[in-house]
Amino acid sequence: MLLLNSKFVTLFLFLSLFSSKKIEKHPLHVSTTEVNFNVKDKSLEISCRIFSDDFESILAKLYKQKTDLVNPALKNQMDALVKKYLLSHLQIKANGKLVNMNYIGFEIDHEATNIYLEVDKIASIKSIEVNSSILYDMFDDQMSIIHLVKGNTRKSGKVLYPDKAFSANF
């Protein structure tokens, strides 16, 4: 009986180790986008958070070049790819009008990449619409969590592939 138990424990430990490697790959495909209206600066501050491994994979696939978001030697090259990808997969309408976003940059935060954009010269905000297809060209189970913030008012929504849009009135 002891031998059977030790074989069971060994098998259990082996399977646990094997399956823990699978757990390292996150099973959830999600990105987060927050659009914050800055009353003082009359601007929209936009931040996106994407799992770095997924993001590097889609950049490499689409642009057919080496991607390494954490390598300082490739920072300028990665900035160009990140900007190109985000500006083609994220659109924002303020008060019903499509706005031009300025790419600020990105940073790595543990397993995620945070990307920052800004829209200047927004006098006031009555409505915001976000159209996001971030990682839709990689996963058909992609989820976008979108937060729209004006002052103390925060409106959030979940957008599931293939849907792209979330909007709110203030």
N, C-alpha and C. Protein backbone atom coordinates (compact mmCIF):
# COMPACT_ATOMS: atom_id res chain seq x y z
N MET A 1 0.82 -1.20 0.00
CA MET A 1 0.00 0.00 0.00
C MET A 1 0.86 1.26 0.00
N LEU A 2 1.95 1.25 0.74
CA LEU A 2 2.84 2.40 0.79
C LEU A 2 3.48 2.65 -0.58
N LEU A 3 3.84 1.59 -1.29
CA LEU A 3 4.42 1.72 -2.61
C LEU A 3 3.41 2.33 -3.58
N LEU A 4 2.18 1.91 -3.52
CA LEU A 4 1.13 2.46 -4.36
C LEU A 4 0.94 3.95 -4.07
N ASN A 5 0.93 4.31 -2.81
CA ASN A 5 0.79 5.71 -2.43
C ASN A 5 1.97 6.54 -2.92
N SER A 6 3.18 6.02 -2.80
CA SER A 6 4.34 6.80 -3.24
C SER A 6 4.34 6.95 -4.76
N LYS A 7 3.87 5.93 -5.49
CA LYS A 7 3.75 6.06 -6.95
C LYS A 7 2.70 7.11 -7.29
N PHE A 8 1.61 7.10 -6.54
CA PHE A 8 0.55 8.07 -6.75
C PHE A 8 1.06 9.49 -6.49
N VAL A 9 1.79 9.66 -5.40
CA VAL A 9 2.34 10.97 -5.05
C VAL A 9 3.32 11.42 -6.12
N THR A 10 4.18 10.51 -6.59
CA THR A 10 5.15 10.84 -7.63
C THR A 10 4.43 11.27 -8.91
N LEU A 11 3.41 10.49 -9.30
CA LEU A 11 2.63 10.81 -10.48
C LEU A 11 1.94 12.18 -10.31
N PHE A 12 1.37 12.40 -9.15
CA PHE A 12 0.69 13.66 -8.87
C PHE A 12 1.66 14.84 -8.97
N LEU A 13 2.85 14.70 -8.38
CA LEU A 13 3.84 15.77 -8.43
C LEU A 13 4.29 16.03 -9.87
N PHE A 14 4.51 14.95 -10.62
CA PHE A 14 4.91 15.09 -12.01
C PHE A 14 3.85 15.84 -12.81
N LEU A 15 2.60 15.43 -12.66
CA LEU A 15 1.52 16.09 -13.38
C LEU A 15 1.36 17.54 -12.93
N SER A 16 1.56 17.79 -11.66
CA SER A 16 1.47 19.16 -11.16
C SER A 16 2.54 20.04 -11.77
N LEU A 17 3.76 19.53 -11.84
CA LEU A 17 4.85 20.29 -12.45
C LEU A 17 4.58 20.52 -13.93
N PHE A 18 4.13 19.46 -14.61
CA PHE A 18 3.85 19.55 -16.03
C PHE A 18 2.74 20.56 -16.29
N SER A 19 1.68 20.48 -15.51
CA SER A 19 0.55 21.38 -15.74
C SER A 19 0.87 22.79 -15.28
N SER A 20 1.79 22.98 -14.33
CA SER A 20 2.12 24.34 -13.89
C SER A 20 2.79 25.11 -15.02
N LYS A 21 3.50 24.42 -15.91
CA LYS A 21 4.09 25.12 -17.05
C LYS A 21 3.01 25.63 -17.97
N LYS A 22 1.93 24.89 -18.08
CA LYS A 22 0.82 25.35 -18.89
C LYS A 22 0.14 26.55 -18.23
N ILE A 23 0.11 26.58 -16.93
CA ILE A 23 -0.53 27.67 -16.21
C ILE A 23 0.26 28.97 -16.40
N GLU A 24 1.59 28.86 -16.61
CA GLU A 24 2.38 30.06 -16.84
C GLU A 24 1.85 30.84 -18.03
N LYS A 25 1.38 30.14 -19.04
CA LYS A 25 0.71 30.80 -20.16
C LYS A 25 -0.68 31.14 -19.67
N HIS A 26 -1.03 32.37 -19.67
CA HIS A 26 -2.33 32.76 -19.13
C HIS A 26 -3.44 32.30 -20.08
N PRO A 27 -4.48 31.69 -19.54
CA PRO A 27 -5.55 31.17 -20.38
C PRO A 27 -6.56 32.24 -20.79
N LEU A 28 -6.44 33.42 -20.23
CA LEU A 28 -7.38 34.50 -20.50
C LEU A 28 -6.74 35.50 -21.45
N HIS A 29 -7.39 35.82 -22.53
CA HIS A 29 -6.88 36.79 -23.49
C HIS A 29 -7.64 38.08 -23.30
N VAL A 30 -6.99 39.01 -22.62
CA VAL A 30 -7.67 40.25 -22.24
C VAL A 30 -6.71 41.43 -22.36
N SER A 31 -7.26 42.54 -22.78
CA SER A 31 -6.52 43.81 -22.74
C SER A 31 -7.42 44.81 -22.01
N THR A 32 -6.79 45.84 -21.48
CA THR A 32 -7.53 46.88 -20.78
C THR A 32 -7.17 48.23 -21.40
N THR A 33 -8.19 49.03 -21.64
CA THR A 33 -7.98 50.38 -22.15
C THR A 33 -8.71 51.35 -21.24
N GLU A 34 -8.01 52.39 -20.81
CA GLU A 34 -8.64 53.43 -20.00
C GLU A 34 -8.47 54.77 -20.70
N VAL A 35 -9.57 55.50 -20.80
CA VAL A 35 -9.56 56.84 -21.37
C VAL A 35 -10.01 57.79 -20.27
N ASN A 36 -9.13 58.70 -19.91
CA ASN A 36 -9.38 59.62 -18.80
C ASN A 36 -9.39 61.05 -19.33
N PHE A 37 -10.49 61.77 -19.11
CA PHE A 37 -10.56 63.17 -19.51
C PHE A 37 -9.90 64.02 -18.44
N ASN A 38 -8.84 64.71 -18.82
CA ASN A 38 -8.11 65.60 -17.92
C ASN A 38 -8.66 67.02 -18.13
N VAL A 39 -9.49 67.46 -17.19
CA VAL A 39 -10.15 68.77 -17.30
C VAL A 39 -9.12 69.90 -17.33
N LYS A 40 -8.13 69.82 -16.48
CA LYS A 40 -7.13 70.88 -16.36
C LYS A 40 -6.37 71.07 -17.67
N ASP A 41 -5.89 69.96 -18.26
CA ASP A 41 -5.10 70.03 -19.49
C ASP A 41 -5.95 69.98 -20.75
N LYS A 42 -7.27 69.78 -20.59
CA LYS A 42 -8.18 69.65 -21.71
C LYS A 42 -7.67 68.61 -22.71
N SER A 43 -7.48 67.41 -22.17
CA SER A 43 -6.94 66.33 -22.99
C SER A 43 -7.53 64.99 -22.58
N LEU A 44 -7.39 64.02 -23.45
CA LEU A 44 -7.72 62.64 -23.13
C LEU A 44 -6.41 61.90 -22.91
N GLU A 45 -6.30 61.26 -21.77
CA GLU A 45 -5.13 60.44 -21.45
C GLU A 45 -5.54 58.99 -21.61
N ILE A 46 -4.86 58.27 -22.48
CA ILE A 46 -5.24 56.91 -22.83
C ILE A 46 -4.12 55.96 -22.42
N SER A 47 -4.51 54.89 -21.76
CA SER A 47 -3.53 53.85 -21.42
C SER A 47 -4.13 52.50 -21.78
N CYS A 48 -3.28 51.64 -22.33
CA CYS A 48 -3.67 50.28 -22.68
C CYS A 48 -2.72 49.33 -21.96
N ARG A 49 -3.27 48.22 -21.50
CA ARG A 49 -2.48 47.21 -20.81
C ARG A 49 -2.73 45.88 -21.51
N ILE A 50 -1.63 45.27 -21.99
CA ILE A 50 -1.71 44.05 -22.78
C ILE A 50 -0.66 43.07 -22.25
N PHE A 51 -1.01 41.78 -22.16
CA PHE A 51 -0.01 40.79 -21.77
C PHE A 51 1.16 40.86 -22.76
N SER A 52 2.37 41.00 -22.24
CA SER A 52 3.55 41.19 -23.08
C SER A 52 3.82 40.03 -24.03
N ASP A 53 3.64 38.79 -23.56
CA ASP A 53 3.93 37.66 -24.45
C ASP A 53 2.98 37.64 -25.64
N ASP A 54 1.72 37.91 -25.43
CA ASP A 54 0.75 37.98 -26.53
C ASP A 54 1.09 39.15 -27.46
N PHE A 55 1.43 40.26 -26.86
CA PHE A 55 1.71 41.47 -27.65
C PHE A 55 2.94 41.27 -28.53
N GLU A 56 4.01 40.71 -27.96
CA GLU A 56 5.21 40.43 -28.74
C GLU A 56 4.90 39.46 -29.88
N SER A 57 4.06 38.47 -29.60
CA SER A 57 3.70 37.48 -30.63
C SER A 57 2.98 38.12 -31.81
N ILE A 58 2.02 38.99 -31.53
CA ILE A 58 1.28 39.60 -32.63
C ILE A 58 2.15 40.59 -33.40
N LEU A 59 3.02 41.32 -32.70
CA LEU A 59 3.92 42.24 -33.40
C LEU A 59 4.84 41.48 -34.34
N ALA A 60 5.39 40.36 -33.86
CA ALA A 60 6.29 39.55 -34.70
C ALA A 60 5.54 38.97 -35.89
N LYS A 61 4.33 38.49 -35.65
CA LYS A 61 3.52 37.88 -36.71
C LYS A 61 3.15 38.91 -37.79
N LEU A 62 2.66 40.06 -37.37
CA LEU A 62 2.19 41.07 -38.33
C LEU A 62 3.32 41.77 -39.07
N TYR A 63 4.38 42.11 -38.35
CA TYR A 63 5.43 42.94 -38.93
C TYR A 63 6.66 42.15 -39.32
N LYS A 64 6.62 40.83 -39.12
CA LYS A 64 7.66 39.90 -39.56
C LYS A 64 9.08 40.37 -39.21
N GLN A 65 9.23 40.72 -37.94
CA GLN A 65 10.56 41.08 -37.44
C GLN A 65 10.69 40.69 -35.98
N LYS A 66 11.93 40.64 -35.55
CA LYS A 66 12.20 40.27 -34.17
C LYS A 66 11.57 41.28 -33.23
N THR A 67 10.92 40.76 -32.18
CA THR A 67 10.35 41.66 -31.18
C THR A 67 10.86 41.26 -29.81
N ASP A 68 11.25 42.27 -29.06
CA ASP A 68 11.70 42.08 -27.68
C ASP A 68 11.44 43.40 -26.97
N LEU A 69 10.32 43.47 -26.30
CA LEU A 69 9.89 44.73 -25.69
C LEU A 69 10.74 45.14 -24.49
N VAL A 70 11.51 44.22 -23.92
CA VAL A 70 12.30 44.57 -22.74
C VAL A 70 13.77 44.89 -23.07
N ASN A 71 14.18 44.67 -24.28
CA ASN A 71 15.58 44.90 -24.67
C ASN A 71 15.80 46.40 -24.94
N PRO A 72 16.61 47.07 -24.10
CA PRO A 72 16.83 48.51 -24.29
C PRO A 72 17.44 48.86 -25.65
N ALA A 73 18.22 47.95 -26.23
CA ALA A 73 18.85 48.21 -27.52
C ALA A 73 17.82 48.28 -28.65
N LEU A 74 16.65 47.68 -28.44
CA LEU A 74 15.59 47.67 -29.47
C LEU A 74 14.47 48.66 -29.17
N LYS A 75 14.64 49.52 -28.18
CA LYS A 75 13.57 50.41 -27.72
C LYS A 75 12.97 51.25 -28.85
N ASN A 76 13.80 51.90 -29.66
CA ASN A 76 13.28 52.74 -30.74
C ASN A 76 12.51 51.91 -31.77
N GLN A 77 13.05 50.77 -32.11
CA GLN A 77 12.40 49.87 -33.07
C GLN A 77 11.06 49.38 -32.51
N MET A 78 11.04 49.02 -31.24
CA MET A 78 9.80 48.54 -30.61
C MET A 78 8.78 49.67 -30.49
N ASP A 79 9.24 50.88 -30.18
CA ASP A 79 8.34 52.03 -30.13
C ASP A 79 7.61 52.20 -31.46
N ALA A 80 8.34 52.06 -32.56
CA ALA A 80 7.72 52.21 -33.88
C ALA A 80 6.66 51.13 -34.12
N LEU A 81 6.95 49.89 -33.74
CA LEU A 81 5.98 48.80 -33.93
C LEU A 81 4.76 48.97 -33.03
N VAL A 82 5.00 49.31 -31.77
CA VAL A 82 3.90 49.49 -30.82
C VAL A 82 2.98 50.61 -31.30
N LYS A 83 3.57 51.73 -31.71
CA LYS A 83 2.79 52.86 -32.21
C LYS A 83 1.97 52.46 -33.43
N LYS A 84 2.60 51.80 -34.38
CA LYS A 84 1.92 51.38 -35.60
C LYS A 84 0.74 50.46 -35.28
N TYR A 85 0.98 49.50 -34.39
CA TYR A 85 -0.07 48.55 -34.04
C TYR A 85 -1.24 49.24 -33.32
N LEU A 86 -0.91 50.01 -32.30
CA LEU A 86 -1.98 50.64 -31.50
C LEU A 86 -2.81 51.62 -32.32
N LEU A 87 -2.16 52.42 -33.15
CA LEU A 87 -2.91 53.41 -33.92
C LEU A 87 -3.78 52.75 -34.99
N SER A 88 -3.49 51.50 -35.34
CA SER A 88 -4.34 50.82 -36.32
C SER A 88 -5.38 49.90 -35.67
N HIS A 89 -5.28 49.68 -34.36
CA HIS A 89 -6.22 48.79 -33.67
C HIS A 89 -7.03 49.47 -32.57
N LEU A 90 -6.86 50.77 -32.42
CA LEU A 90 -7.60 51.51 -31.40
C LEU A 90 -8.03 52.85 -31.98
N GLN A 91 -9.33 53.09 -31.97
CA GLN A 91 -9.86 54.37 -32.42
C GLN A 91 -10.75 54.94 -31.32
N ILE A 92 -10.69 56.25 -31.19
CA ILE A 92 -11.50 56.91 -30.16
C ILE A 92 -12.25 58.07 -30.79
N LYS A 93 -13.53 58.16 -30.42
CA LYS A 93 -14.35 59.29 -30.81
C LYS A 93 -14.69 60.07 -29.55
N ALA A 94 -14.47 61.37 -29.62
CA ALA A 94 -14.85 62.27 -28.53
C ALA A 94 -15.97 63.15 -29.06
N ASN A 95 -17.10 63.14 -28.37
CA ASN A 95 -18.26 63.92 -28.78
C ASN A 95 -18.67 63.59 -30.22
N GLY A 96 -18.55 62.32 -30.58
CA GLY A 96 -18.98 61.86 -31.90
C GLY A 96 -17.96 62.03 -33.02
N LYS A 97 -16.80 62.62 -32.72
CA LYS A 97 -15.80 62.88 -33.77
C LYS A 97 -14.54 62.05 -33.50
N LEU A 98 -14.05 61.41 -34.57
CA LEU A 98 -12.81 60.65 -34.47
C LEU A 98 -11.65 61.59 -34.13
N VAL A 99 -10.84 61.22 -33.16
CA VAL A 99 -9.72 62.07 -32.73
C VAL A 99 -8.39 61.44 -33.13
N ASN A 100 -7.39 62.29 -33.29
CA ASN A 100 -6.03 61.83 -33.58
C ASN A 100 -5.30 61.65 -32.26
N MET A 101 -4.78 60.46 -32.07
CA MET A 101 -4.06 60.16 -30.84
C MET A 101 -2.56 60.35 -31.06
N ASN A 102 -1.91 60.93 -30.05
CA ASN A 102 -0.45 61.05 -30.05
C ASN A 102 0.12 59.92 -29.22
N TYR A 103 1.04 59.18 -29.81
CA TYR A 103 1.69 58.08 -29.11
C TYR A 103 2.74 58.66 -28.17
N ILE A 104 2.67 58.29 -26.88
CA ILE A 104 3.62 58.78 -25.89
C ILE A 104 4.74 57.76 -25.67
N GLY A 105 4.39 56.49 -25.53
CA GLY A 105 5.40 55.45 -25.32
C GLY A 105 4.81 54.25 -24.62
N PHE A 106 5.70 53.32 -24.27
CA PHE A 106 5.28 52.13 -23.55
C PHE A 106 6.29 51.79 -22.46
N GLU A 107 5.84 50.98 -21.51
CA GLU A 107 6.72 50.46 -20.47
C GLU A 107 6.25 49.06 -20.10
N ILE A 108 7.18 48.28 -19.62
CA ILE A 108 6.87 46.91 -19.18
C ILE A 108 6.63 46.94 -17.68
N ASP A 109 5.55 46.30 -17.26
CA ASP A 109 5.19 46.20 -15.85
C ASP A 109 4.91 44.74 -15.56
N HIS A 110 5.91 44.04 -15.06
CA HIS A 110 5.83 42.59 -14.81
C HIS A 110 5.52 41.86 -16.11
N GLU A 111 4.36 41.23 -16.22
CA GLU A 111 4.01 40.46 -17.41
C GLU A 111 3.18 41.25 -18.41
N ALA A 112 3.01 42.53 -18.18
CA ALA A 112 2.17 43.34 -19.05
C ALA A 112 2.95 44.49 -19.67
N THR A 113 2.44 44.94 -20.81
CA THR A 113 2.97 46.13 -21.47
C THR A 113 1.92 47.23 -21.32
N ASN A 114 2.34 48.36 -20.79
CA ASN A 114 1.47 49.53 -20.68
C ASN A 114 1.84 50.50 -21.79
N ILE A 115 0.83 50.93 -22.55
CA ILE A 115 1.05 51.83 -23.67
C ILE A 115 0.27 53.11 -23.38
N TYR A 116 0.90 54.25 -23.67
CA TYR A 116 0.30 55.54 -23.35
C TYR A 116 0.12 56.39 -24.61
N LEU A 117 -1.07 56.98 -24.72
CA LEU A 117 -1.40 57.87 -25.82
C LEU A 117 -2.12 59.08 -25.24
N GLU A 118 -2.23 60.14 -26.05
CA GLU A 118 -2.89 61.34 -25.57
C GLU A 118 -3.59 62.05 -26.73
N VAL A 119 -4.68 62.72 -26.41
CA VAL A 119 -5.38 63.56 -27.38
C VAL A 119 -5.46 64.95 -26.77
N ASP A 120 -4.91 65.94 -27.47
CA ASP A 120 -4.92 67.33 -27.00
C ASP A 120 -6.16 68.08 -27.50
N LYS A 121 -6.40 69.22 -26.88
CA LYS A 121 -7.41 70.18 -27.32
C LYS A 121 -8.83 69.61 -27.33
N ILE A 122 -9.21 69.05 -26.20
CA ILE A 122 -10.60 68.59 -26.01
C ILE A 122 -11.19 69.52 -24.95
N ALA A 123 -11.97 70.49 -25.38
CA ALA A 123 -12.49 71.51 -24.46
C ALA A 123 -13.42 70.92 -23.40
N SER A 124 -14.31 70.04 -23.84
CA SER A 124 -15.23 69.39 -22.90
C SER A 124 -15.58 68.02 -23.47
N ILE A 125 -16.14 67.20 -22.63
CA ILE A 125 -16.48 65.85 -23.09
C ILE A 125 -17.92 65.54 -22.72
N LYS A 126 -18.70 65.14 -23.71
CA LYS A 126 -20.08 64.71 -23.47
C LYS A 126 -20.23 63.22 -23.73
N SER A 127 -19.40 62.71 -24.66
CA SER A 127 -19.44 61.28 -24.95
C SER A 127 -18.07 60.81 -25.43
N ILE A 128 -17.80 59.55 -25.14
CA ILE A 128 -16.57 58.91 -25.61
C ILE A 128 -16.96 57.55 -26.15
N GLU A 129 -16.40 57.22 -27.31
CA GLU A 129 -16.57 55.89 -27.89
C GLU A 129 -15.19 55.31 -28.17
N VAL A 130 -14.98 54.08 -27.74
CA VAL A 130 -13.72 53.39 -27.99
C VAL A 130 -14.01 52.19 -28.88
N ASN A 131 -13.26 52.09 -29.96
CA ASN A 131 -13.30 50.92 -30.84
C ASN A 131 -11.94 50.25 -30.74
N SER A 132 -11.93 49.06 -30.17
CA SER A 132 -10.68 48.34 -29.96
C SER A 132 -10.73 46.96 -30.61
N SER A 133 -9.71 46.69 -31.41
CA SER A 133 -9.53 45.35 -31.97
C SER A 133 -8.15 44.82 -31.57
N ILE A 134 -7.68 45.26 -30.42
CA ILE A 134 -6.38 44.84 -29.91
C ILE A 134 -6.38 43.32 -29.72
N LEU A 135 -5.43 42.68 -30.35
CA LEU A 135 -5.20 41.23 -30.33
C LEU A 135 -6.32 40.42 -31.00
N TYR A 136 -7.26 41.08 -31.66
CA TYR A 136 -8.31 40.35 -32.38
C TYR A 136 -7.72 39.56 -33.54
N ASP A 137 -6.60 40.01 -34.07
CA ASP A 137 -5.94 39.30 -35.16
C ASP A 137 -5.10 38.13 -34.66
N MET A 138 -5.18 37.87 -33.36
CA MET A 138 -4.43 36.77 -32.75
C MET A 138 -5.36 35.75 -32.08
N PHE A 139 -6.40 36.24 -31.40
CA PHE A 139 -7.28 35.37 -30.61
C PHE A 139 -8.74 35.64 -30.93
N ASP A 140 -9.51 34.57 -31.06
CA ASP A 140 -10.94 34.76 -31.29
C ASP A 140 -11.74 34.69 -29.98
N ASP A 141 -11.01 34.67 -28.86
CA ASP A 141 -11.67 34.75 -27.55
C ASP A 141 -11.19 35.98 -26.77
N GLN A 142 -10.67 36.96 -27.52
CA GLN A 142 -10.13 38.17 -26.91
C GLN A 142 -11.23 38.99 -26.24
N MET A 143 -10.90 39.53 -25.09
CA MET A 143 -11.81 40.39 -24.35
C MET A 143 -11.12 41.73 -24.11
N SER A 144 -11.87 42.80 -24.31
CA SER A 144 -11.36 44.14 -24.02
C SER A 144 -12.17 44.72 -22.86
N ILE A 145 -11.47 45.11 -21.82
CA ILE A 145 -12.09 45.81 -20.71
C ILE A 145 -11.81 47.29 -20.94
N ILE A 146 -12.85 48.10 -20.96
CA ILE A 146 -12.70 49.51 -21.28
C ILE A 146 -13.26 50.35 -20.14
N HIS A 147 -12.45 51.31 -19.69
CA HIS A 147 -12.85 52.25 -18.64
C HIS A 147 -12.82 53.66 -19.23
N LEU A 148 -13.92 54.38 -19.05
CA LEU A 148 -14.01 55.77 -19.48
C LEU A 148 -14.23 56.62 -18.24
N VAL A 149 -13.36 57.61 -18.06
CA VAL A 149 -13.36 58.37 -16.81
C VAL A 149 -13.43 59.87 -17.10
N LYS A 150 -14.38 60.51 -16.42
CA LYS A 150 -14.48 61.98 -16.43
C LYS A 150 -14.73 62.40 -15.00
N GLY A 151 -13.75 63.06 -14.40
CA GLY A 151 -13.86 63.48 -13.00
C GLY A 151 -14.07 62.27 -12.10
N ASN A 152 -15.11 62.31 -11.28
CA ASN A 152 -15.41 61.20 -10.37
C ASN A 152 -16.30 60.14 -11.01
N THR A 153 -16.66 60.34 -12.28
CA THR A 153 -17.53 59.38 -12.97
C THR A 153 -16.69 58.41 -13.78
N ARG A 154 -16.92 57.14 -13.51
CA ARG A 154 -16.19 56.08 -14.21
C ARG A 154 -17.21 55.11 -14.80
N LYS A 155 -17.13 54.89 -16.11
CA LYS A 155 -18.03 53.95 -16.77
C LYS A 155 -17.16 52.87 -17.42
N SER A 156 -17.50 51.63 -17.14
CA SER A 156 -16.68 50.52 -17.61
C SER A 156 -17.53 49.51 -18.35
N GLY A 157 -16.88 48.80 -19.26
CA GLY A 157 -17.57 47.76 -20.00
C GLY A 157 -16.63 46.69 -20.49
N LYS A 158 -17.21 45.56 -20.81
CA LYS A 158 -16.47 44.42 -21.34
C LYS A 158 -16.93 44.22 -22.78
N VAL A 159 -15.97 44.16 -23.69
CA VAL A 159 -16.27 43.95 -25.10
C VAL A 159 -15.63 42.64 -25.52
N LEU A 160 -16.43 41.72 -26.03
CA LEU A 160 -15.96 40.40 -26.43
C LEU A 160 -15.85 40.30 -27.95
N TYR A 161 -14.79 39.66 -28.41
CA TYR A 161 -14.61 39.40 -29.84
C TYR A 161 -15.87 38.76 -30.40
N PRO A 162 -16.38 39.16 -31.51
CA PRO A 162 -15.85 40.09 -32.52
C PRO A 162 -16.31 41.54 -32.33
N ASP A 163 -17.10 41.82 -31.29
CA ASP A 163 -17.53 43.20 -31.05
C ASP A 163 -16.33 44.07 -30.72
N LYS A 164 -16.42 45.36 -31.03
CA LYS A 164 -15.27 46.25 -30.86
C LYS A 164 -15.56 47.52 -30.07
N ALA A 165 -16.82 47.91 -29.99
CA ALA A 165 -17.13 49.26 -29.51
C ALA A 165 -17.72 49.27 -28.10
N PHE A 166 -17.31 50.30 -27.35
CA PHE A 166 -17.92 50.63 -26.06
C PHE A 166 -18.00 52.15 -26.00
N SER A 167 -19.15 52.66 -25.56
CA SER A 167 -19.29 54.11 -25.48
C SER A 167 -20.04 54.49 -24.22
N ALA A 168 -19.89 55.75 -23.85
CA ALA A 168 -20.58 56.27 -22.66
C ALA A 168 -20.83 57.76 -22.87
N ASN A 169 -21.95 58.20 -22.30
CA ASN A 169 -22.29 59.63 -22.28
C ASN A 169 -22.05 60.15 -20.87
N PHE A 170 -21.61 61.38 -20.79
CA PHE A 170 -21.36 62.02 -19.49
C PHE A 170 -22.23 63.24 -19.32
